[in-house]
Amino acid sequence: MLSADILRDALLREHDIPADTHDGYGMVLVSVWVGLVVWCDGEWFWWRSGWDERRKRAVYARHPAIDPSRAARRIAFRYADLREKRPLSAVSDDVGTASKAPG
């Protein structure tokens, strides 16, 4: 979907955040960071923005797909928050640990 590609490009151009797109089943996923995937159905972007501890469920943000630049700005704030909480070294360590067979 065109809007997801524009979002991906805006993330890179405006915020220096690389992302990948994956499509299928009438929806596009924009993979940004561990725990940050943006879904797009052509009308809306939406992504997990946090956790409601009281209700024990994810909280989602959404933004109209006709405004990918502003959506990219909002996603960049979430990206920065996640990067601060889980830097790349911690993500790499998790991947390395998960790929090792128990011995």
PDB file of N, CA and C in Angstrom:
ATOM      1  N   MET A   1       0.842  -1.188   0.000  1.00  0.00           N
ATOM      2  CA  MET A   1       0.000   0.000   0.000  1.00  0.00           C
ATOM      3  C   MET A   1       0.875   1.234   0.000  1.00  0.00           C
ATOM      4  N   LEU A   2       0.499   2.172  -0.773  1.00  0.00           N
ATOM      5  CA  LEU A   2       1.285   3.372  -0.963  1.00  0.00           C
ATOM      6  C   LEU A   2       1.512   4.147   0.332  1.00  0.00           C
ATOM      7  N   SER A   3       0.500   4.294   1.176  1.00  0.00           N
ATOM      8  CA  SER A   3       0.647   5.092   2.399  1.00  0.00           C
ATOM      9  C   SER A   3       1.691   4.496   3.341  1.00  0.00           C
ATOM     10  N   ALA A   4       1.793   3.174   3.402  1.00  0.00           N
ATOM     11  CA  ALA A   4       2.802   2.550   4.260  1.00  0.00           C
ATOM     12  C   ALA A   4       4.206   2.815   3.729  1.00  0.00           C
ATOM     13  N   ASP A   5       4.367   2.804   2.416  1.00  0.00           N
ATOM     14  CA  ASP A   5       5.670   3.123   1.828  1.00  0.00           C
ATOM     15  C   ASP A   5       6.048   4.579   2.100  1.00  0.00           C
ATOM     16  N   ILE A   6       5.064   5.464   2.016  1.00  0.00           N
ATOM     17  CA  ILE A   6       5.317   6.875   2.315  1.00  0.00           C
ATOM     18  C   ILE A   6       5.693   7.034   3.789  1.00  0.00           C
ATOM     19  N   LEU A   7       5.019   6.302   4.665  1.00  0.00           N
ATOM     20  CA  LEU A   7       5.364   6.333   6.089  1.00  0.00           C
ATOM     21  C   LEU A   7       6.793   5.858   6.302  1.00  0.00           C
ATOM     22  N   ARG A   8       7.142   4.737   5.687  1.00  0.00           N
ATOM     23  CA  ARG A   8       8.508   4.212   5.808  1.00  0.00           C
ATOM     24  C   ARG A   8       9.528   5.249   5.336  1.00  0.00           C
ATOM     25  N   ASP A   9       9.252   5.875   4.209  1.00  0.00           N
ATOM     26  CA  ASP A   9      10.158   6.895   3.680  1.00  0.00           C
ATOM     27  C   ASP A   9      10.240   8.112   4.592  1.00  0.00           C
ATOM     28  N   ALA A  10       9.105   8.526   5.169  1.00  0.00           N
ATOM     29  CA  ALA A  10       9.092   9.676   6.092  1.00  0.00           C
ATOM     30  C   ALA A  10       9.879   9.366   7.362  1.00  0.00           C
ATOM     31  N   LEU A  11       9.768   8.147   7.853  1.00  0.00           N
ATOM     32  CA  LEU A  11      10.544   7.767   9.047  1.00  0.00           C
ATOM     33  C   LEU A  11      12.035   7.905   8.777  1.00  0.00           C
ATOM     34  N   LEU A  12      12.467   7.473   7.612  1.00  0.00           N
ATOM     35  CA  LEU A  12      13.888   7.545   7.272  1.00  0.00           C
ATOM     36  C   LEU A  12      14.325   8.983   6.980  1.00  0.00           C
ATOM     37  N   ARG A  13      13.591   9.668   6.136  1.00  0.00           N
ATOM     38  CA  ARG A  13      13.968  11.015   5.693  1.00  0.00           C
ATOM     39  C   ARG A  13      13.869  12.053   6.821  1.00  0.00           C
ATOM     40  N   GLU A  14      12.782  12.017   7.582  1.00  0.00           N
ATOM     41  CA  GLU A  14      12.526  13.057   8.571  1.00  0.00           C
ATOM     42  C   GLU A  14      13.076  12.738   9.963  1.00  0.00           C
ATOM     43  N   HIS A  15      13.294  11.432  10.252  1.00  0.00           N
ATOM     44  CA  HIS A  15      13.684  11.049  11.612  1.00  0.00           C
ATOM     45  C   HIS A  15      14.882  10.107  11.657  1.00  0.00           C
ATOM     46  N   ASP A  16      15.432   9.780  10.491  1.00  0.00           N
ATOM     47  CA  ASP A  16      16.585   8.885  10.399  1.00  0.00           C
ATOM     48  C   ASP A  16      16.313   7.532  11.053  1.00  0.00           C
ATOM     49  N   ILE A  17      15.102   7.025  10.863  1.00  0.00           N
ATOM     50  CA  ILE A  17      14.692   5.736  11.419  1.00  0.00           C
ATOM     51  C   ILE A  17      14.433   4.776  10.261  1.00  0.00           C
ATOM     52  N   PRO A  18      15.278   3.763  10.097  1.00  0.00           N
ATOM     53  CA  PRO A  18      15.036   2.783   9.034  1.00  0.00           C
ATOM     54  C   PRO A  18      13.887   1.855   9.411  1.00  0.00           C
ATOM     55  N   ALA A  19      13.134   1.420   8.429  1.00  0.00           N
ATOM     56  CA  ALA A  19      12.020   0.502   8.656  1.00  0.00           C
ATOM     57  C   ALA A  19      11.839  -0.358   7.417  1.00  0.00           C
ATOM     58  N   ASP A  20      11.171  -1.483   7.596  1.00  0.00           N
ATOM     59  CA  ASP A  20      10.862  -2.397   6.497  1.00  0.00           C
ATOM     60  C   ASP A  20       9.352  -2.509   6.365  1.00  0.00           C
ATOM     61  N   THR A  21       8.876  -2.747   5.149  1.00  0.00           N
ATOM     62  CA  THR A  21       7.447  -2.985   4.946  1.00  0.00           C
ATOM     63  C   THR A  21       7.231  -4.418   4.483  1.00  0.00           C
ATOM     64  N   HIS A  22       6.122  -4.963   4.911  1.00  0.00           N
ATOM     65  CA  HIS A  22       5.721  -6.322   4.564  1.00  0.00           C
ATOM     66  C   HIS A  22       4.221  -6.288   4.306  1.00  0.00           C
ATOM     67  N   ASP A  23       3.788  -6.824   3.164  1.00  0.00           N
ATOM     68  CA  ASP A  23       2.356  -6.755   2.879  1.00  0.00           C
ATOM     69  C   ASP A  23       1.767  -8.124   2.623  1.00  0.00           C
ATOM     70  N   GLY A  24       0.457  -8.167   2.797  1.00  0.00           N
ATOM     71  CA  GLY A  24      -0.296  -9.380   2.554  1.00  0.00           C
ATOM     72  C   GLY A  24      -1.646  -9.302   3.231  1.00  0.00           C
ATOM     73  N   TYR A  25      -2.600  -9.996   2.687  1.00  0.00           N
ATOM     74  CA  TYR A  25      -3.937 -10.075   3.261  1.00  0.00           C
ATOM     75  C   TYR A  25      -4.593  -8.706   3.421  1.00  0.00           C
ATOM     76  N   GLY A  26      -4.321  -7.791   2.483  1.00  0.00           N
ATOM     77  CA  GLY A  26      -4.964  -6.491   2.500  1.00  0.00           C
ATOM     78  C   GLY A  26      -4.432  -5.512   3.528  1.00  0.00           C
ATOM     79  N   MET A  27      -3.274  -5.813   4.102  1.00  0.00           N
ATOM     80  CA  MET A  27      -2.701  -4.954   5.128  1.00  0.00           C
ATOM     81  C   MET A  27      -1.189  -4.895   4.926  1.00  0.00           C
ATOM     82  N   VAL A  28      -0.587  -3.797   5.376  1.00  0.00           N
ATOM     83  CA  VAL A  28       0.860  -3.648   5.313  1.00  0.00           C
ATOM     84  C   VAL A  28       1.386  -3.447   6.719  1.00  0.00           C
ATOM     85  N   LEU A  29       2.484  -4.110   7.047  1.00  0.00           N
ATOM     86  CA  LEU A  29       3.173  -3.910   8.316  1.00  0.00           C
ATOM     87  C   LEU A  29       4.432  -3.120   8.056  1.00  0.00           C
ATOM     88  N   VAL A  30       4.668  -2.115   8.893  1.00  0.00           N
ATOM     89  CA  VAL A  30       5.906  -1.357   8.846  1.00  0.00           C
ATOM     90  C   VAL A  30       6.665  -1.728  10.109  1.00  0.00           C
ATOM     91  N   SER A  31       7.721  -2.492   9.940  1.00  0.00           N
ATOM     92  CA  SER A  31       8.521  -2.970  11.057  1.00  0.00           C
ATOM     93  C   SER A  31       9.583  -1.928  11.381  1.00  0.00           C
ATOM     94  N   VAL A  32       9.507  -1.355  12.599  1.00  0.00           N
ATOM     95  CA  VAL A  32      10.367  -0.240  12.969  1.00  0.00           C
ATOM     96  C   VAL A  32      11.433  -0.652  13.981  1.00  0.00           C
ATOM     97  N   TRP A  33      11.032  -1.313  15.036  1.00  0.00           N
ATOM     98  CA  TRP A  33      11.936  -1.669  16.134  1.00  0.00           C
ATOM     99  C   TRP A  33      11.312  -2.818  16.895  1.00  0.00           C
ATOM    100  N   VAL A  34      12.068  -3.468  17.749  1.00  0.00           N
ATOM    101  CA  VAL A  34      11.530  -4.538  18.584  1.00  0.00           C
ATOM    102  C   VAL A  34      10.374  -3.967  19.400  1.00  0.00           C
ATOM    103  N   GLY A  35       9.205  -4.528  19.221  1.00  0.00           N
ATOM    104  CA  GLY A  35       8.029  -4.038  19.935  1.00  0.00           C
ATOM    105  C   GLY A  35       7.341  -2.861  19.269  1.00  0.00           C
ATOM    106  N   LEU A  36       7.773  -2.481  18.082  1.00  0.00           N
ATOM    107  CA  LEU A  36       7.135  -1.371  17.372  1.00  0.00           C
ATOM    108  C   LEU A  36       6.889  -1.756  15.917  1.00  0.00           C
ATOM    109  N   VAL A  37       5.688  -2.221  15.682  1.00  0.00           N
ATOM    110  CA  VAL A  37       5.220  -2.558  14.341  1.00  0.00           C
ATOM    111  C   VAL A  37       4.000  -1.683  14.078  1.00  0.00           C
ATOM    112  N   VAL A  38       3.960  -1.082  12.912  1.00  0.00           N
ATOM    113  CA  VAL A  38       2.836  -0.229  12.527  1.00  0.00           C
ATOM    114  C   VAL A  38       2.025  -0.987  11.486  1.00  0.00           C
ATOM    115  N   TRP A  39       0.733  -1.104  11.717  1.00  0.00           N
ATOM    116  CA  TRP A  39      -0.164  -1.733  10.767  1.00  0.00           C
ATOM    117  C   TRP A  39      -0.827  -0.644   9.943  1.00  0.00           C
ATOM    118  N   CYS A  40      -1.109  -0.936   8.688  1.00  0.00           N
ATOM    119  CA  CYS A  40      -1.795   0.015   7.821  1.00  0.00           C
ATOM    120  C   CYS A  40      -2.782  -0.745   6.939  1.00  0.00           C
ATOM    121  N   ASP A  41      -4.026  -0.281   6.956  1.00  0.00           N
ATOM    122  CA  ASP A  41      -5.053  -0.883   6.101  1.00  0.00           C
ATOM    123  C   ASP A  41      -5.447   0.043   4.951  1.00  0.00           C
ATOM    124  N   GLY A  42      -4.670   1.106   4.752  1.00  0.00           N
ATOM    125  CA  GLY A  42      -4.973   2.075   3.704  1.00  0.00           C
ATOM    126  C   GLY A  42      -5.728   3.286   4.215  1.00  0.00           C
ATOM    127  N   GLU A  43      -6.413   3.136   5.351  1.00  0.00           N
ATOM    128  CA  GLU A  43      -7.145   4.249   5.959  1.00  0.00           C
ATOM    129  C   GLU A  43      -6.497   4.724   7.248  1.00  0.00           C
ATOM    130  N   TRP A  44      -5.929   3.805   8.002  1.00  0.00           N
ATOM    131  CA  TRP A  44      -5.348   4.121   9.313  1.00  0.00           C
ATOM    132  C   TRP A  44      -3.986   3.470   9.476  1.00  0.00           C
ATOM    133  N   PHE A  45      -3.132   4.127  10.243  1.00  0.00           N
ATOM    134  CA  PHE A  45      -1.942   3.516  10.816  1.00  0.00           C
ATOM    135  C   PHE A  45      -2.284   3.260  12.272  1.00  0.00           C
ATOM    136  N   TRP A  46      -1.847   2.151  12.828  1.00  0.00           N
ATOM    137  CA  TRP A  46      -1.981   1.969  14.267  1.00  0.00           C
ATOM    138  C   TRP A  46      -0.819   1.132  14.772  1.00  0.00           C
ATOM    139  N   TRP A  47      -0.466   1.383  16.035  1.00  0.00           N
ATOM    140  CA  TRP A  47       0.687   0.732  16.642  1.00  0.00           C
ATOM    141  C   TRP A  47       0.482   0.655  18.137  1.00  0.00           C
ATOM    142  N   ARG A  48       1.189  -0.272  18.753  1.00  0.00           N
ATOM    143  CA  ARG A  48       1.119  -0.428  20.202  1.00  0.00           C
ATOM    144  C   ARG A  48       1.885   0.731  20.835  1.00  0.00           C
ATOM    145  N   SER A  49       1.207   1.446  21.718  1.00  0.00           N
ATOM    146  CA  SER A  49       1.816   2.628  22.328  1.00  0.00           C
ATOM    147  C   SER A  49       2.112   2.452  23.810  1.00  0.00           C
ATOM    148  N   GLY A  50       1.743   1.333  24.373  1.00  0.00           N
ATOM    149  CA  GLY A  50       2.023   1.126  25.788  1.00  0.00           C
ATOM    150  C   GLY A  50       1.262  -0.062  26.340  1.00  0.00           C
ATOM    151  N   TRP A  51       1.199  -0.087  27.657  1.00  0.00           N
ATOM    152  CA  TRP A  51       0.569  -1.189  28.373  1.00  0.00           C
ATOM    153  C   TRP A  51      -0.291  -0.619  29.485  1.00  0.00           C
ATOM    154  N   ASP A  52      -1.537  -1.073  29.579  1.00  0.00           N
ATOM    155  CA  ASP A  52      -2.438  -0.681  30.658  1.00  0.00           C
ATOM    156  C   ASP A  52      -2.310  -1.728  31.756  1.00  0.00           C
ATOM    157  N   GLU A  53      -1.579  -1.383  32.789  1.00  0.00           N
ATOM    158  CA  GLU A  53      -1.300  -2.337  33.869  1.00  0.00           C
ATOM    159  C   GLU A  53      -2.582  -2.762  34.576  1.00  0.00           C
ATOM    160  N   ARG A  54      -3.485  -1.840  34.772  1.00  0.00           N
ATOM    161  CA  ARG A  54      -4.731  -2.152  35.484  1.00  0.00           C
ATOM    162  C   ARG A  54      -5.577  -3.155  34.712  1.00  0.00           C
ATOM    163  N   ARG A  55      -5.684  -2.953  33.417  1.00  0.00           N
ATOM    164  CA  ARG A  55      -6.510  -3.843  32.591  1.00  0.00           C
ATOM    165  C   ARG A  55      -5.734  -5.013  32.009  1.00  0.00           C
ATOM    166  N   LYS A  56      -4.401  -4.978  32.170  1.00  0.00           N
ATOM    167  CA  LYS A  56      -3.530  -6.053  31.665  1.00  0.00           C
ATOM    168  C   LYS A  56      -3.702  -6.246  30.157  1.00  0.00           C
ATOM    169  N   ARG A  57      -3.602  -5.130  29.410  1.00  0.00           N
ATOM    170  CA  ARG A  57      -3.715  -5.228  27.962  1.00  0.00           C
ATOM    171  C   ARG A  57      -2.950  -4.086  27.295  1.00  0.00           C
ATOM    172  N   ALA A  58      -2.657  -4.313  26.031  1.00  0.00           N
ATOM    173  CA  ALA A  58      -1.932  -3.305  25.255  1.00  0.00           C
ATOM    174  C   ALA A  58      -2.826  -2.100  24.974  1.00  0.00           C
ATOM    175  N   VAL A  59      -2.175  -0.954  24.843  1.00  0.00           N
ATOM    176  CA  VAL A  59      -2.840   0.288  24.455  1.00  0.00           C
ATOM    177  C   VAL A  59      -2.312   0.641  23.067  1.00  0.00           C
ATOM    178  N   TYR A  60      -3.196   1.033  22.178  1.00  0.00           N
ATOM    179  CA  TYR A  60      -2.812   1.334  20.808  1.00  0.00           C
ATOM    180  C   TYR A  60      -3.072   2.797  20.468  1.00  0.00           C
ATOM    181  N   ALA A  61      -2.222   3.329  19.600  1.00  0.00           N
ATOM    182  CA  ALA A  61      -2.414   4.659  19.029  1.00  0.00           C
ATOM    183  C   ALA A  61      -2.780   4.461  17.570  1.00  0.00           C
ATOM    184  N   ARG A  62      -3.502   5.426  17.006  1.00  0.00           N
ATOM    185  CA  ARG A  62      -3.798   5.348  15.581  1.00  0.00           C
ATOM    186  C   ARG A  62      -3.740   6.746  14.979  1.00  0.00           C
ATOM    187  N   HIS A  63      -3.534   6.753  13.679  1.00  0.00           N
ATOM    188  CA  HIS A  63      -3.400   8.015  12.961  1.00  0.00           C
ATOM    189  C   HIS A  63      -3.905   7.816  11.533  1.00  0.00           C
ATOM    190  N   PRO A  64      -4.597   8.808  10.964  1.00  0.00           N
ATOM    191  CA  PRO A  64      -5.091   8.656   9.587  1.00  0.00           C
ATOM    192  C   PRO A  64      -3.946   8.443   8.592  1.00  0.00           C
ATOM    193  N   ALA A  65      -4.143   7.517   7.685  1.00  0.00           N
ATOM    194  CA  ALA A  65      -3.108   7.192   6.693  1.00  0.00           C
ATOM    195  C   ALA A  65      -2.904   8.314   5.678  1.00  0.00           C
ATOM    196  N   ILE A  66      -3.800   9.267   5.623  1.00  0.00           N
ATOM    197  CA  ILE A  66      -3.631  10.387   4.684  1.00  0.00           C
ATOM    198  C   ILE A  66      -2.580  11.379   5.175  1.00  0.00           C
ATOM    199  N   ASP A  67      -2.068  11.182   6.402  1.00  0.00           N
ATOM    200  CA  ASP A  67      -1.082  12.093   6.986  1.00  0.00           C
ATOM    201  C   ASP A  67       0.142  11.316   7.493  1.00  0.00           C
ATOM    202  N   PRO A  68       0.887  10.669   6.580  1.00  0.00           N
ATOM    203  CA  PRO A  68       2.001   9.828   7.019  1.00  0.00           C
ATOM    204  C   PRO A  68       3.142  10.602   7.686  1.00  0.00           C
ATOM    205  N   SER A  69       3.334  11.850   7.327  1.00  0.00           N
ATOM    206  CA  SER A  69       4.416  12.627   7.932  1.00  0.00           C
ATOM    207  C   SER A  69       4.171  12.856   9.430  1.00  0.00           C
ATOM    208  N   ARG A  70       2.962  13.214   9.786  1.00  0.00           N
ATOM    209  CA  ARG A  70       2.646  13.421  11.215  1.00  0.00           C
ATOM    210  C   ARG A  70       2.620  12.081  11.956  1.00  0.00           C
ATOM    211  N   ALA A  71       2.147  11.033  11.290  1.00  0.00           N
ATOM    212  CA  ALA A  71       2.187   9.705  11.908  1.00  0.00           C
ATOM    213  C   ALA A  71       3.641   9.317  12.181  1.00  0.00           C
ATOM    214  N   ALA A  72       4.540   9.603  11.234  1.00  0.00           N
ATOM    215  CA  ALA A  72       5.963   9.293  11.408  1.00  0.00           C
ATOM    216  C   ALA A  72       6.524  10.028  12.620  1.00  0.00           C
ATOM    217  N   ARG A  73       6.095  11.257  12.833  1.00  0.00           N
ATOM    218  CA  ARG A  73       6.559  12.026  13.991  1.00  0.00           C
ATOM    219  C   ARG A  73       6.113  11.359  15.294  1.00  0.00           C
ATOM    220  N   ARG A  74       4.863  10.944  15.347  1.00  0.00           N
ATOM    221  CA  ARG A  74       4.348  10.276  16.551  1.00  0.00           C
ATOM    222  C   ARG A  74       5.058   8.941  16.784  1.00  0.00           C
ATOM    223  N   ILE A  75       5.288   8.213  15.703  1.00  0.00           N
ATOM    224  CA  ILE A  75       5.973   6.926  15.801  1.00  0.00           C
ATOM    225  C   ILE A  75       7.421   7.136  16.233  1.00  0.00           C
ATOM    226  N   ALA A  76       8.038   8.213  15.786  1.00  0.00           N
ATOM    227  CA  ALA A  76       9.416   8.518  16.181  1.00  0.00           C
ATOM    228  C   ALA A  76       9.515   8.740  17.696  1.00  0.00           C
ATOM    229  N   PHE A  77       8.506   9.352  18.296  1.00  0.00           N
ATOM    230  CA  PHE A  77       8.501   9.515  19.753  1.00  0.00           C
ATOM    231  C   PHE A  77       8.439   8.156  20.450  1.00  0.00           C
ATOM    232  N   ARG A  78       7.601   7.263  19.947  1.00  0.00           N
ATOM    233  CA  ARG A  78       7.502   5.918  20.533  1.00  0.00           C
ATOM    234  C   ARG A  78       8.811   5.150  20.336  1.00  0.00           C
ATOM    235  N   TYR A  79       9.397   5.293  19.163  1.00  0.00           N
ATOM    236  CA  TYR A  79      10.676   4.664  18.853  1.00  0.00           C
ATOM    237  C   TYR A  79      11.751   5.114  19.847  1.00  0.00           C
ATOM    238  N   ALA A  80      11.831   6.408  20.085  1.00  0.00           N
ATOM    239  CA  ALA A  80      12.826   6.941  21.023  1.00  0.00           C
ATOM    240  C   ALA A  80      12.602   6.385  22.423  1.00  0.00           C
ATOM    241  N   ASP A  81      11.347   6.282  22.820  1.00  0.00           N
ATOM    242  CA  ASP A  81      11.022   5.732  24.136  1.00  0.00           C
ATOM    243  C   ASP A  81      11.459   4.271  24.237  1.00  0.00           C
ATOM    244  N   LEU A  82      11.175   3.485  23.220  1.00  0.00           N
ATOM    245  CA  LEU A  82      11.575   2.074  23.225  1.00  0.00           C
ATOM    246  C   LEU A  82      13.084   1.911  23.175  1.00  0.00           C
ATOM    247  N   ARG A  83      13.765   2.741  22.382  1.00  0.00           N
ATOM    248  CA  ARG A  83      15.228   2.670  22.299  1.00  0.00           C
ATOM    249  C   ARG A  83      15.864   2.977  23.649  1.00  0.00           C
ATOM    250  N   GLU A  84      15.274   3.908  24.378  1.00  0.00           N
ATOM    251  CA  GLU A  84      15.794   4.253  25.704  1.00  0.00           C
ATOM    252  C   GLU A  84      15.591   3.104  26.683  1.00  0.00           C
ATOM    253  N   LYS A  85      14.439   2.449  26.602  1.00  0.00           N
ATOM    254  CA  LYS A  85      14.127   1.354  27.524  1.00  0.00           C
ATOM    255  C   LYS A  85      14.835   0.058  27.146  1.00  0.00           C
ATOM    256  N   ARG A  86      15.092  -0.120  25.843  1.00  0.00           N
ATOM    257  CA  ARG A  86      15.698  -1.371  25.378  1.00  0.00           C
ATOM    258  C   ARG A  86      16.672  -1.065  24.251  1.00  0.00           C
ATOM    259  N   PRO A  87      17.898  -0.664  24.613  1.00  0.00           N
ATOM    260  CA  PRO A  87      18.884  -0.306  23.582  1.00  0.00           C
ATOM    261  C   PRO A  87      19.273  -1.505  22.722  1.00  0.00           C
ATOM    262  N   LEU A  88      19.907  -1.214  21.612  1.00  0.00           N
ATOM    263  CA  LEU A  88      20.272  -2.238  20.637  1.00  0.00           C
ATOM    264  C   LEU A  88      21.108  -3.353  21.250  1.00  0.00           C
ATOM    265  N   SER A  89      22.008  -3.036  22.185  1.00  0.00           N
ATOM    266  CA  SER A  89      22.841  -4.078  22.784  1.00  0.00           C
ATOM    267  C   SER A  89      21.988  -5.102  23.526  1.00  0.00           C
ATOM    268  N   ALA A  90      20.937  -4.665  24.205  1.00  0.00           N
ATOM    269  CA  ALA A  90      20.060  -5.606  24.907  1.00  0.00           C
ATOM    270  C   ALA A  90      19.289  -6.457  23.913  1.00  0.00           C
ATOM    271  N   VAL A  91      18.855  -5.861  22.809  1.00  0.00           N
ATOM    272  CA  VAL A  91      18.147  -6.601  21.774  1.00  0.00           C
ATOM    273  C   VAL A  91      19.079  -7.632  21.158  1.00  0.00           C
ATOM    274  N   SER A  92      20.316  -7.247  20.848  1.00  0.00           N
ATOM    275  CA  SER A  92      21.290  -8.166  20.266  1.00  0.00           C
ATOM    276  C   SER A  92      21.603  -9.310  21.215  1.00  0.00           C
ATOM    277  N   ASP A  93      21.723  -9.008  22.499  1.00  0.00           N
ATOM    278  CA  ASP A  93      21.983 -10.055  23.481  1.00  0.00           C
ATOM    279  C   ASP A  93      20.837 -11.053  23.525  1.00  0.00           C
ATOM    280  N   ASP A  94      19.594 -10.560  23.459  1.00  0.00           N
ATOM    281  CA  ASP A  94      18.427 -11.442  23.469  1.00  0.00           C
ATOM    282  C   ASP A  94      18.419 -12.343  22.254  1.00  0.00           C
ATOM    283  N   VAL A  95      18.739 -11.794  21.094  1.00  0.00           N
ATOM    284  CA  VAL A  95      18.756 -12.576  19.859  1.00  0.00           C
ATOM    285  C   VAL A  95      19.849 -13.630  19.924  1.00  0.00           C
ATOM    286  N   GLY A  96      21.019 -13.232  20.395  1.00  0.00           N
ATOM    287  CA  GLY A  96      22.121 -14.179  20.513  1.00  0.00           C
ATOM    288  C   GLY A  96      21.817 -15.305  21.475  1.00  0.00           C
ATOM    289  N   THR A  97      21.180 -14.979  22.589  1.00  0.00           N
ATOM    290  CA  THR A  97      20.809 -15.995  23.582  1.00  0.00           C
ATOM    291  C   THR A  97      19.751 -16.923  23.035  1.00  0.00           C
ATOM    292  N   ALA A  98      18.767 -16.363  22.330  1.00  0.00           N
ATOM    293  CA  ALA A  98      17.676 -17.166  21.792  1.00  0.00           C
ATOM    294  C   ALA A  98      18.161 -18.114  20.704  1.00  0.00           C
ATOM    295  N   SER A  99      19.210 -17.759  19.989  1.00  0.00           N
ATOM    296  CA  SER A  99      19.662 -18.593  18.877  1.00  0.00           C
ATOM    297  C   SER A  99      20.598 -19.715  19.323  1.00  0.00           C
ATOM    298  N   LYS A 100      21.037 -19.673  20.564  1.00  0.00           N
ATOM    299  CA  LYS A 100      21.934 -20.733  21.062  1.00  0.00           C
ATOM    300  C   LYS A 100      21.124 -21.908  21.585  1.00  0.00           C
ATOM    301  N   ALA A 101      21.509 -23.069  21.149  1.00  0.00           N
ATOM    302  CA  ALA A 101      20.833 -24.287  21.624  1.00  0.00           C
ATOM    303  C   ALA A 101      21.262 -24.560  23.056  1.00  0.00           C
ATOM    304  N   PRO A 102      20.309 -25.011  23.894  1.00  0.00           N
ATOM    305  CA  PRO A 102      20.690 -25.344  25.272  1.00  0.00           C
ATOM    306  C   PRO A 102      21.706 -26.488  25.278  1.00  0.00           C
ATOM    307  N   GLY A 103      22.635 -26.393  26.175  1.00  0.00           N
ATOM    308  CA  GLY A 103      23.685 -27.387  26.130  1.00  0.00           C
ATOM    309  C   GLY A 103      23.930 -28.100  27.345  1.00  0.00           C
TER     310      GLY A 103
END
